[in-house]
Amino acid sequence: MAGPIDVGAADGVLTMRMNRPDKKNAITSAMYAGMAEALDRAASDDAIRCTLILGVPGAFSAGNDIADFLAVATSGQRGSMAVFDFLERIIQAKKPIVAGVDGIAIGIGTTMLLHCDYVVASEASSFKTPFVDLGLLPEAGSSLIGPRLMGHHRAFALLAMGETFSPQQAMEAGFVNRVVTSAELEAAASAAAKAIAAKPPEALAQSRDLIRGDRADVLARMREEAELWKARLTSNEAKQAFLAFMAKGQQKKA
């Protein structure tokens, strides 16, 4: 039986699929832990030369599971969160990462793409980070990478205003490489990952390091955001926003 994170390897590519279609791939703490483990496996296995991240048709990821956020908000216990372990791994990943996005990419479903090396999106994809609407703030180092990549105005629209970006807007903003049909999405993303995996690994690694540059400032910003997040999660603003979100979901089911 498939789990919420499916992992497999072939042709030098480790494929990590978020597989929780009934919740549109809303990511739980257990899923973050599984994704971090998959990135650790990719890092430690010389046979793996590239990681491919996929969702399911119509949903790359709906973002963090709001029920997990609400549990933190109502308990008042900040503690450690598995999401930040995953972010540490993806920011410091030593091997290339490709993502294939079909459907919604919300919150971390969008910001994790800023740490990928190549992103293929379908024509049906959409990108949104409603952090402020939830009483929260940008994460994954996006408050630093976003303005660098797309300029202040686009970054503000995406990360602070929570505007939805189309695949064409995402490509113009610089975090999507190629747009294809939904039917072509997985084959195109897999082909890109296999092409990367087939290249001379040392030359590729050195080239990637030069292109990406030192990630220390990105890691530092992610950790700064994380501390602010932990405080925001227990704020009254965030608690009310989470309750309203959950109530809206219940109304839709009724």
C-alpha atoms as a PDB file:
ATOM      1  CA  MET A   1       0.000   0.000   0.000  1.00  0.00           C
ATOM      2  CA  ALA A   2       1.378   3.395  -0.987  1.00  0.00           C
ATOM      3  CA  GLY A   3       2.202   5.833   1.787  1.00  0.00           C
ATOM      4  CA  PRO A   4       1.923   9.627   1.882  1.00  0.00           C
ATOM      5  CA  ILE A   5       5.548   9.849   0.691  1.00  0.00           C
ATOM      6  CA  ASP A   6       6.532   7.337  -1.982  1.00  0.00           C
ATOM      7  CA  VAL A   7      10.237   6.991  -2.724  1.00  0.00           C
ATOM      8  CA  GLY A   8      11.935   5.024  -5.476  1.00  0.00           C
ATOM      9  CA  ALA A   9      15.188   5.139  -7.422  1.00  0.00           C
ATOM     10  CA  ALA A  10      16.106   4.325 -11.033  1.00  0.00           C
ATOM     11  CA  ASP A  11      18.540   5.618 -13.652  1.00  0.00           C
ATOM     12  CA  GLY A  12      20.422   7.685 -11.077  1.00  0.00           C
ATOM     13  CA  VAL A  13      17.256   9.543 -10.027  1.00  0.00           C
ATOM     14  CA  LEU A  14      15.590   9.319  -6.626  1.00  0.00           C
ATOM     15  CA  THR A  15      11.893  10.109  -7.078  1.00  0.00           C
ATOM     16  CA  MET A  16       9.998  11.427  -4.073  1.00  0.00           C
ATOM     17  CA  ARG A  17       6.243  11.693  -4.544  1.00  0.00           C
ATOM     18  CA  MET A  18       3.854  13.391  -2.149  1.00  0.00           C
ATOM     19  CA  ASN A  19       0.898  11.009  -2.271  1.00  0.00           C
ATOM     20  CA  ARG A  20      -1.984  12.216  -0.146  1.00  0.00           C
ATOM     21  CA  PRO A  21      -4.541  12.983  -2.865  1.00  0.00           C
ATOM     22  CA  ASP A  22      -7.574  13.025  -0.555  1.00  0.00           C
ATOM     23  CA  LYS A  23      -6.037  16.078   1.176  1.00  0.00           C
ATOM     24  CA  LYS A  24      -4.517  17.573  -1.982  1.00  0.00           C
ATOM     25  CA  ASN A  25      -1.088  16.729  -0.585  1.00  0.00           C
ATOM     26  CA  ALA A  26      -1.404  18.889   2.512  1.00  0.00           C
ATOM     27  CA  ILE A  27       1.883  18.061   4.235  1.00  0.00           C
ATOM     28  CA  THR A  28       1.902  16.625   7.756  1.00  0.00           C
ATOM     29  CA  SER A  29       4.831  16.434  10.155  1.00  0.00           C
ATOM     30  CA  ALA A  30       5.246  12.749   9.294  1.00  0.00           C
ATOM     31  CA  MET A  31       5.430  13.623   5.594  1.00  0.00           C
ATOM     32  CA  TYR A  32       8.091  16.270   6.228  1.00  0.00           C
ATOM     33  CA  ALA A  33      10.086  13.664   8.134  1.00  0.00           C
ATOM     34  CA  GLY A  34       9.770  11.245   5.207  1.00  0.00           C
ATOM     35  CA  MET A  35      10.879  13.910   2.739  1.00  0.00           C
ATOM     36  CA  ALA A  36      13.889  14.786   4.887  1.00  0.00           C
ATOM     37  CA  GLU A  37      14.824  11.086   5.020  1.00  0.00           C
ATOM     38  CA  ALA A  38      14.548  10.843   1.237  1.00  0.00           C
ATOM     39  CA  LEU A  39      16.910  13.798   0.790  1.00  0.00           C
ATOM     40  CA  ASP A  40      19.326  12.189   3.267  1.00  0.00           C
ATOM     41  CA  ARG A  41      19.212   9.004   1.195  1.00  0.00           C
ATOM     42  CA  ALA A  42      19.943  10.942  -1.993  1.00  0.00           C
ATOM     43  CA  ALA A  43      22.870  12.696  -0.329  1.00  0.00           C
ATOM     44  CA  SER A  44      24.463   9.492   0.973  1.00  0.00           C
ATOM     45  CA  ASP A  45      24.008   7.242  -2.072  1.00  0.00           C
ATOM     46  CA  ASP A  46      26.644   7.708  -4.794  1.00  0.00           C
ATOM     47  CA  ALA A  47      24.341   6.021  -7.300  1.00  0.00           C
ATOM     48  CA  ILE A  48      21.826   8.835  -6.882  1.00  0.00           C
ATOM     49  CA  ARG A  49      22.735  11.909  -8.921  1.00  0.00           C
ATOM     50  CA  CYS A  50      19.465  13.825  -8.950  1.00  0.00           C
ATOM     51  CA  THR A  51      16.252  14.031  -6.901  1.00  0.00           C
ATOM     52  CA  LEU A  52      12.830  14.427  -8.517  1.00  0.00           C
ATOM     53  CA  ILE A  53       9.909  15.782  -6.455  1.00  0.00           C
ATOM     54  CA  LEU A  54       6.373  15.083  -7.680  1.00  0.00           C
ATOM     55  CA  GLY A  55       2.840  15.427  -6.406  1.00  0.00           C
ATOM     56  CA  VAL A  56      -0.346  13.852  -7.746  1.00  0.00           C
ATOM     57  CA  PRO A  57      -2.488  14.949 -10.704  1.00  0.00           C
ATOM     58  CA  GLY A  58      -4.115  18.261  -9.807  1.00  0.00           C
ATOM     59  CA  ALA A  59      -2.162  18.789  -6.600  1.00  0.00           C
ATOM     60  CA  PHE A  60       1.543  19.279  -6.133  1.00  0.00           C
ATOM     61  CA  SER A  61       0.839  20.379  -2.559  1.00  0.00           C
ATOM     62  CA  ALA A  62      -1.837  22.326  -0.690  1.00  0.00           C
ATOM     63  CA  GLY A  63       0.882  23.426   1.730  1.00  0.00           C
ATOM     64  CA  ASN A  64       1.225  22.600   5.380  1.00  0.00           C
ATOM     65  CA  ASP A  65      -1.645  20.676   6.965  1.00  0.00           C
ATOM     66  CA  ILE A  66      -3.585  23.394   8.822  1.00  0.00           C
ATOM     67  CA  ALA A  67      -4.680  20.857  11.439  1.00  0.00           C
ATOM     68  CA  ASP A  68      -1.028  20.547  12.491  1.00  0.00           C
ATOM     69  CA  PHE A  69      -0.764  24.343  12.745  1.00  0.00           C
ATOM     70  CA  LEU A  70      -3.959  24.538  14.790  1.00  0.00           C
ATOM     71  CA  ALA A  71      -2.666  21.881  17.200  1.00  0.00           C
ATOM     72  CA  VAL A  72       0.413  24.013  17.860  1.00  0.00           C
ATOM     73  CA  ALA A  73      -1.647  27.196  18.133  1.00  0.00           C
ATOM     74  CA  THR A  74      -4.119  25.761  20.649  1.00  0.00           C
ATOM     75  CA  SER A  75      -1.504  23.945  22.742  1.00  0.00           C
ATOM     76  CA  GLY A  76       0.777  26.971  22.977  1.00  0.00           C
ATOM     77  CA  GLN A  77       3.750  24.623  22.653  1.00  0.00           C
ATOM     78  CA  ARG A  78       6.160  25.931  20.020  1.00  0.00           C
ATOM     79  CA  GLY A  79       8.714  23.129  20.126  1.00  0.00           C
ATOM     80  CA  SER A  80      10.539  21.868  17.058  1.00  0.00           C
ATOM     81  CA  MET A  81       8.720  21.213  13.793  1.00  0.00           C
ATOM     82  CA  ALA A  82       9.640  18.611  11.187  1.00  0.00           C
ATOM     83  CA  VAL A  83       9.108  21.151   8.402  1.00  0.00           C
ATOM     84  CA  PHE A  84      12.287  22.942   9.414  1.00  0.00           C
ATOM     85  CA  ASP A  85      14.290  19.685   9.277  1.00  0.00           C
ATOM     86  CA  PHE A  86      13.100  19.244   5.702  1.00  0.00           C
ATOM     87  CA  LEU A  87      13.998  22.834   4.837  1.00  0.00           C
ATOM     88  CA  GLU A  88      17.494  22.414   6.284  1.00  0.00           C
ATOM     89  CA  ARG A  89      17.998  19.428   3.946  1.00  0.00           C
ATOM     90  CA  ILE A  90      16.629  21.005   0.778  1.00  0.00           C
ATOM     91  CA  ILE A  91      18.549  24.264   1.268  1.00  0.00           C
ATOM     92  CA  GLN A  92      21.812  22.371   1.782  1.00  0.00           C
ATOM     93  CA  ALA A  93      21.199  19.636  -0.820  1.00  0.00           C
ATOM     94  CA  LYS A  94      24.455  18.772  -2.589  1.00  0.00           C
ATOM     95  CA  LYS A  95      22.786  17.153  -5.586  1.00  0.00           C
ATOM     96  CA  PRO A  96      20.425  18.709  -8.141  1.00  0.00           C
ATOM     97  CA  ILE A  97      16.693  18.724  -7.492  1.00  0.00           C
ATOM     98  CA  VAL A  98      13.995  18.745 -10.176  1.00  0.00           C
ATOM     99  CA  ALA A  99      10.297  19.329  -9.449  1.00  0.00           C
ATOM    100  CA  GLY A 100       7.261  18.496 -11.539  1.00  0.00           C
ATOM    101  CA  VAL A 101       4.215  20.592 -10.593  1.00  0.00           C
ATOM    102  CA  ASP A 102       0.650  19.876 -11.672  1.00  0.00           C
ATOM    103  CA  GLY A 103      -2.283  21.719 -10.123  1.00  0.00           C
ATOM    104  CA  ILE A 104      -2.058  23.676  -6.902  1.00  0.00           C
ATOM    105  CA  ALA A 105       1.225  24.610  -5.245  1.00  0.00           C
ATOM    106  CA  ILE A 106       0.349  26.475  -2.072  1.00  0.00           C
ATOM    107  CA  GLY A 107       2.606  27.795   0.688  1.00  0.00           C
ATOM    108  CA  ILE A 108       5.622  25.532   0.988  1.00  0.00           C
ATOM    109  CA  GLY A 109       4.396  23.874  -2.210  1.00  0.00           C
ATOM    110  CA  THR A 110       5.645  27.045  -3.883  1.00  0.00           C
ATOM    111  CA  THR A 111       8.547  28.083  -1.655  1.00  0.00           C
ATOM    112  CA  MET A 112      10.302  24.699  -1.857  1.00  0.00           C
ATOM    113  CA  LEU A 113      10.579  25.306  -5.610  1.00  0.00           C
ATOM    114  CA  LEU A 114      12.966  28.192  -4.909  1.00  0.00           C
ATOM    115  CA  HIS A 115      15.492  25.554  -3.776  1.00  0.00           C
ATOM    116  CA  CYS A 116      15.063  23.330  -6.830  1.00  0.00           C
ATOM    117  CA  ASP A 117      17.411  23.545  -9.794  1.00  0.00           C
ATOM    118  CA  TYR A 118      14.859  22.862 -12.517  1.00  0.00           C
ATOM    119  CA  VAL A 119      11.058  23.109 -12.345  1.00  0.00           C
ATOM    120  CA  VAL A 120       8.559  21.844 -14.893  1.00  0.00           C
ATOM    121  CA  ALA A 121       4.965  23.022 -14.410  1.00  0.00           C
ATOM    122  CA  SER A 122       1.763  22.070 -16.151  1.00  0.00           C
ATOM    123  CA  GLU A 123      -0.612  24.531 -17.771  1.00  0.00           C
ATOM    124  CA  ALA A 124      -3.031  23.638 -14.969  1.00  0.00           C
ATOM    125  CA  SER A 125      -0.625  24.653 -12.184  1.00  0.00           C
ATOM    126  CA  SER A 126      -1.051  27.658  -9.904  1.00  0.00           C
ATOM    127  CA  PHE A 127       1.201  29.117  -7.224  1.00  0.00           C
ATOM    128  CA  LYS A 128       0.083  30.899  -4.056  1.00  0.00           C
ATOM    129  CA  THR A 129       1.597  31.668  -0.633  1.00  0.00           C
ATOM    130  CA  PRO A 130      -1.202  32.905   1.669  1.00  0.00           C
ATOM    131  CA  PHE A 131       1.081  33.273   4.688  1.00  0.00           C
ATOM    132  CA  VAL A 132      -0.079  36.713   5.825  1.00  0.00           C
ATOM    133  CA  ASP A 133      -3.755  35.753   5.423  1.00  0.00           C
ATOM    134  CA  LEU A 134      -3.088  32.963   7.935  1.00  0.00           C
ATOM    135  CA  GLY A 135      -1.412  35.352  10.376  1.00  0.00           C
ATOM    136  CA  LEU A 136       2.003  33.989   9.410  1.00  0.00           C
ATOM    137  CA  LEU A 137       4.971  35.121   7.310  1.00  0.00           C
ATOM    138  CA  PRO A 138       7.156  33.850   4.451  1.00  0.00           C
ATOM    139  CA  GLU A 139       9.305  30.769   5.139  1.00  0.00           C
ATOM    140  CA  ALA A 140      11.928  28.513   3.550  1.00  0.00           C
ATOM    141  CA  GLY A 141      14.253  31.495   3.146  1.00  0.00           C
ATOM    142  CA  SER A 142      11.789  32.881   0.596  1.00  0.00           C
ATOM    143  CA  SER A 143      11.920  36.369   2.114  1.00  0.00           C
ATOM    144  CA  LEU A 144      15.562  36.496   0.968  1.00  0.00           C
ATOM    145  CA  ILE A 145      15.497  34.413  -2.222  1.00  0.00           C
ATOM    146  CA  GLY A 146      12.205  35.788  -3.545  1.00  0.00           C
ATOM    147  CA  PRO A 147      13.288  39.444  -3.962  1.00  0.00           C
ATOM    148  CA  ARG A 148      16.682  38.346  -5.333  1.00  0.00           C
ATOM    149  CA  LEU A 149      15.041  36.154  -7.940  1.00  0.00           C
ATOM    150  CA  MET A 150      12.016  38.164  -9.035  1.00  0.00           C
ATOM    151  CA  GLY A 151      12.512  41.665  -7.640  1.00  0.00           C
ATOM    152  CA  HIS A 152      10.779  43.359  -4.724  1.00  0.00           C
ATOM    153  CA  HIS A 153       7.441  44.020  -6.382  1.00  0.00           C
ATOM    154  CA  ARG A 154       6.766  40.512  -7.647  1.00  0.00           C
ATOM    155  CA  ALA A 155       8.048  39.000  -4.404  1.00  0.00           C
ATOM    156  CA  PHE A 156       5.743  41.263  -2.387  1.00  0.00           C
ATOM    157  CA  ALA A 157       2.774  40.285  -4.538  1.00  0.00           C
ATOM    158  CA  LEU A 158       3.495  36.581  -4.079  1.00  0.00           C
ATOM    159  CA  LEU A 159       4.779  36.400  -0.509  1.00  0.00           C
ATOM    160  CA  ALA A 160       2.980  39.237   1.276  1.00  0.00           C
ATOM    161  CA  MET A 161      -0.188  39.885  -0.727  1.00  0.00           C
ATOM    162  CA  GLY A 162      -0.719  36.204  -1.431  1.00  0.00           C
ATOM    163  CA  GLU A 163      -1.555  36.736  -5.100  1.00  0.00           C
ATOM    164  CA  THR A 164      -1.945  33.616  -7.224  1.00  0.00           C
ATOM    165  CA  PHE A 165       0.667  33.236  -9.951  1.00  0.00           C
ATOM    166  CA  SER A 166      -0.148  31.421 -13.186  1.00  0.00           C
ATOM    167  CA  PRO A 167       2.495  29.080 -14.651  1.00  0.00           C
ATOM    168  CA  GLN A 168       3.411  31.809 -17.130  1.00  0.00           C
ATOM    169  CA  GLN A 169       3.841  34.353 -14.302  1.00  0.00           C
ATOM    170  CA  ALA A 170       5.920  31.836 -12.354  1.00  0.00           C
ATOM    171  CA  MET A 171       8.161  31.345 -15.374  1.00  0.00           C
ATOM    172  CA  GLU A 172       8.527  35.119 -15.785  1.00  0.00           C
ATOM    173  CA  ALA A 173       9.322  35.376 -12.059  1.00  0.00           C
ATOM    174  CA  GLY A 174      12.137  32.868 -12.515  1.00  0.00           C
ATOM    175  CA  PHE A 175      11.101  29.824 -10.486  1.00  0.00           C
ATOM    176  CA  VAL A 176       9.628  27.724 -13.312  1.00  0.00           C
ATOM    177  CA  ASN A 177      11.741  26.627 -16.295  1.00  0.00           C
ATOM    178  CA  ARG A 178       9.200  25.042 -18.601  1.00  0.00           C
ATOM    179  CA  VAL A 179       5.423  24.780 -18.992  1.00  0.00           C
ATOM    180  CA  VAL A 180       3.816  21.695 -20.540  1.00  0.00           C
ATOM    181  CA  THR A 181       0.387  20.044 -20.539  1.00  0.00           C
ATOM    182  CA  SER A 182      -0.721  18.002 -17.540  1.00  0.00           C
ATOM    183  CA  ALA A 183      -0.453  14.865 -19.673  1.00  0.00           C
ATOM    184  CA  GLU A 184       3.192  15.662 -20.466  1.00  0.00           C
ATOM    185  CA  LEU A 185       4.197  16.851 -16.992  1.00  0.00           C
ATOM    186  CA  GLU A 186       5.678  13.763 -15.359  1.00  0.00           C
ATOM    187  CA  ALA A 187       7.453  12.544 -18.481  1.00  0.00           C
ATOM    188  CA  ALA A 188       9.014  15.986 -19.012  1.00  0.00           C
ATOM    189  CA  ALA A 189      10.132  16.310 -15.390  1.00  0.00           C
ATOM    190  CA  SER A 190      11.511  12.758 -15.381  1.00  0.00           C
ATOM    191  CA  ALA A 191      13.386  13.377 -18.629  1.00  0.00           C
ATOM    192  CA  ALA A 192      14.995  16.497 -17.152  1.00  0.00           C
ATOM    193  CA  ALA A 193      16.041  14.592 -14.022  1.00  0.00           C
ATOM    194  CA  LYS A 194      17.500  11.722 -16.066  1.00  0.00           C
ATOM    195  CA  ALA A 195      19.395  14.155 -18.299  1.00  0.00           C
ATOM    196  CA  ILE A 196      20.941  15.769 -15.229  1.00  0.00           C
ATOM    197  CA  ALA A 197      21.790  12.380 -13.697  1.00  0.00           C
ATOM    198  CA  ALA A 198      23.584  11.330 -16.899  1.00  0.00           C
ATOM    199  CA  LYS A 199      26.041  14.238 -16.835  1.00  0.00           C
ATOM    200  CA  PRO A 200      29.587  13.947 -15.415  1.00  0.00           C
ATOM    201  CA  PRO A 201      28.845  14.264 -11.676  1.00  0.00           C
ATOM    202  CA  GLU A 202      31.944  16.145 -10.526  1.00  0.00           C
ATOM    203  CA  ALA A 203      31.739  18.763 -13.268  1.00  0.00           C
ATOM    204  CA  LEU A 204      28.026  19.160 -12.640  1.00  0.00           C
ATOM    205  CA  ALA A 205      28.485  19.507  -8.877  1.00  0.00           C
ATOM    206  CA  GLN A 206      31.154  22.166  -9.262  1.00  0.00           C
ATOM    207  CA  SER A 207      29.066  24.048 -11.821  1.00  0.00           C
ATOM    208  CA  ARG A 208      26.005  23.923  -9.567  1.00  0.00           C
ATOM    209  CA  ASP A 209      28.008  25.183  -6.577  1.00  0.00           C
ATOM    210  CA  LEU A 210      29.245  28.150  -8.609  1.00  0.00           C
ATOM    211  CA  ILE A 211      25.750  28.939  -9.874  1.00  0.00           C
ATOM    212  CA  ARG A 212      24.049  28.639  -6.484  1.00  0.00           C
ATOM    213  CA  GLY A 213      26.793  30.305  -4.486  1.00  0.00           C
ATOM    214  CA  ASP A 214      27.174  30.160  -0.711  1.00  0.00           C
ATOM    215  CA  ARG A 215      23.875  29.130   0.905  1.00  0.00           C
ATOM    216  CA  ALA A 216      24.835  30.238   4.420  1.00  0.00           C
ATOM    217  CA  ASP A 217      22.788  33.418   4.212  1.00  0.00           C
ATOM    218  CA  VAL A 218      19.750  31.495   2.926  1.00  0.00           C
ATOM    219  CA  LEU A 219      20.055  28.987   5.762  1.00  0.00           C
ATOM    220  CA  ALA A 220      20.429  31.795   8.296  1.00  0.00           C
ATOM    221  CA  ARG A 221      17.330  33.547   6.933  1.00  0.00           C
ATOM    222  CA  MET A 222      15.317  30.316   7.029  1.00  0.00           C
ATOM    223  CA  ARG A 223      16.261  29.846  10.691  1.00  0.00           C
ATOM    224  CA  GLU A 224      15.343  33.465  11.457  1.00  0.00           C
ATOM    225  CA  GLU A 225      11.980  32.969   9.755  1.00  0.00           C
ATOM    226  CA  ALA A 226      11.515  29.707  11.691  1.00  0.00           C
ATOM    227  CA  GLU A 227      11.833  31.437  15.053  1.00  0.00           C
ATOM    228  CA  LEU A 228       9.342  34.086  13.990  1.00  0.00           C
ATOM    229  CA  TRP A 229       7.037  31.347  12.684  1.00  0.00           C
ATOM    230  CA  LYS A 230       7.054  29.529  15.997  1.00  0.00           C
ATOM    231  CA  ALA A 231       6.009  32.736  17.731  1.00  0.00           C
ATOM    232  CA  ARG A 232       3.382  33.555  15.096  1.00  0.00           C
ATOM    233  CA  LEU A 233       1.817  30.084  15.350  1.00  0.00           C
ATOM    234  CA  THR A 234       0.764  30.755  18.932  1.00  0.00           C
ATOM    235  CA  SER A 235      -0.474  34.285  18.227  1.00  0.00           C
ATOM    236  CA  ASN A 236      -4.171  35.130  18.469  1.00  0.00           C
ATOM    237  CA  GLU A 237      -4.114  36.327  14.845  1.00  0.00           C
ATOM    238  CA  ALA A 238      -2.924  32.978  13.571  1.00  0.00           C
ATOM    239  CA  LYS A 239      -5.221  30.968  15.850  1.00  0.00           C
ATOM    240  CA  GLN A 240      -8.289  32.815  14.592  1.00  0.00           C
ATOM    241  CA  ALA A 241      -7.172  32.416  10.985  1.00  0.00           C
ATOM    242  CA  PHE A 242      -6.668  28.651  11.416  1.00  0.00           C
ATOM    243  CA  LEU A 243     -10.077  28.227  13.059  1.00  0.00           C
ATOM    244  CA  ALA A 244     -11.726  30.192  10.249  1.00  0.00           C
ATOM    245  CA  PHE A 245      -9.946  28.056   7.648  1.00  0.00           C
ATOM    246  CA  MET A 246     -11.027  24.807   9.315  1.00  0.00           C
ATOM    247  CA  ALA A 247     -14.610  26.053   9.670  1.00  0.00           C
ATOM    248  CA  LYS A 248     -14.697  26.973   5.984  1.00  0.00           C
ATOM    249  CA  GLY A 249     -13.538  23.474   5.119  1.00  0.00           C
ATOM    250  CA  GLN A 250     -16.305  21.951   7.230  1.00  0.00           C
ATOM    251  CA  GLN A 251     -18.894  24.165   5.534  1.00  0.00           C
ATOM    252  CA  LYS A 252     -17.771  22.920   2.118  1.00  0.00           C
ATOM    253  CA  LYS A 253     -18.269  19.305   3.257  1.00  0.00           C
ATOM    254  CA  ALA A 254     -21.771  20.003   4.624  1.00  0.00           C
END
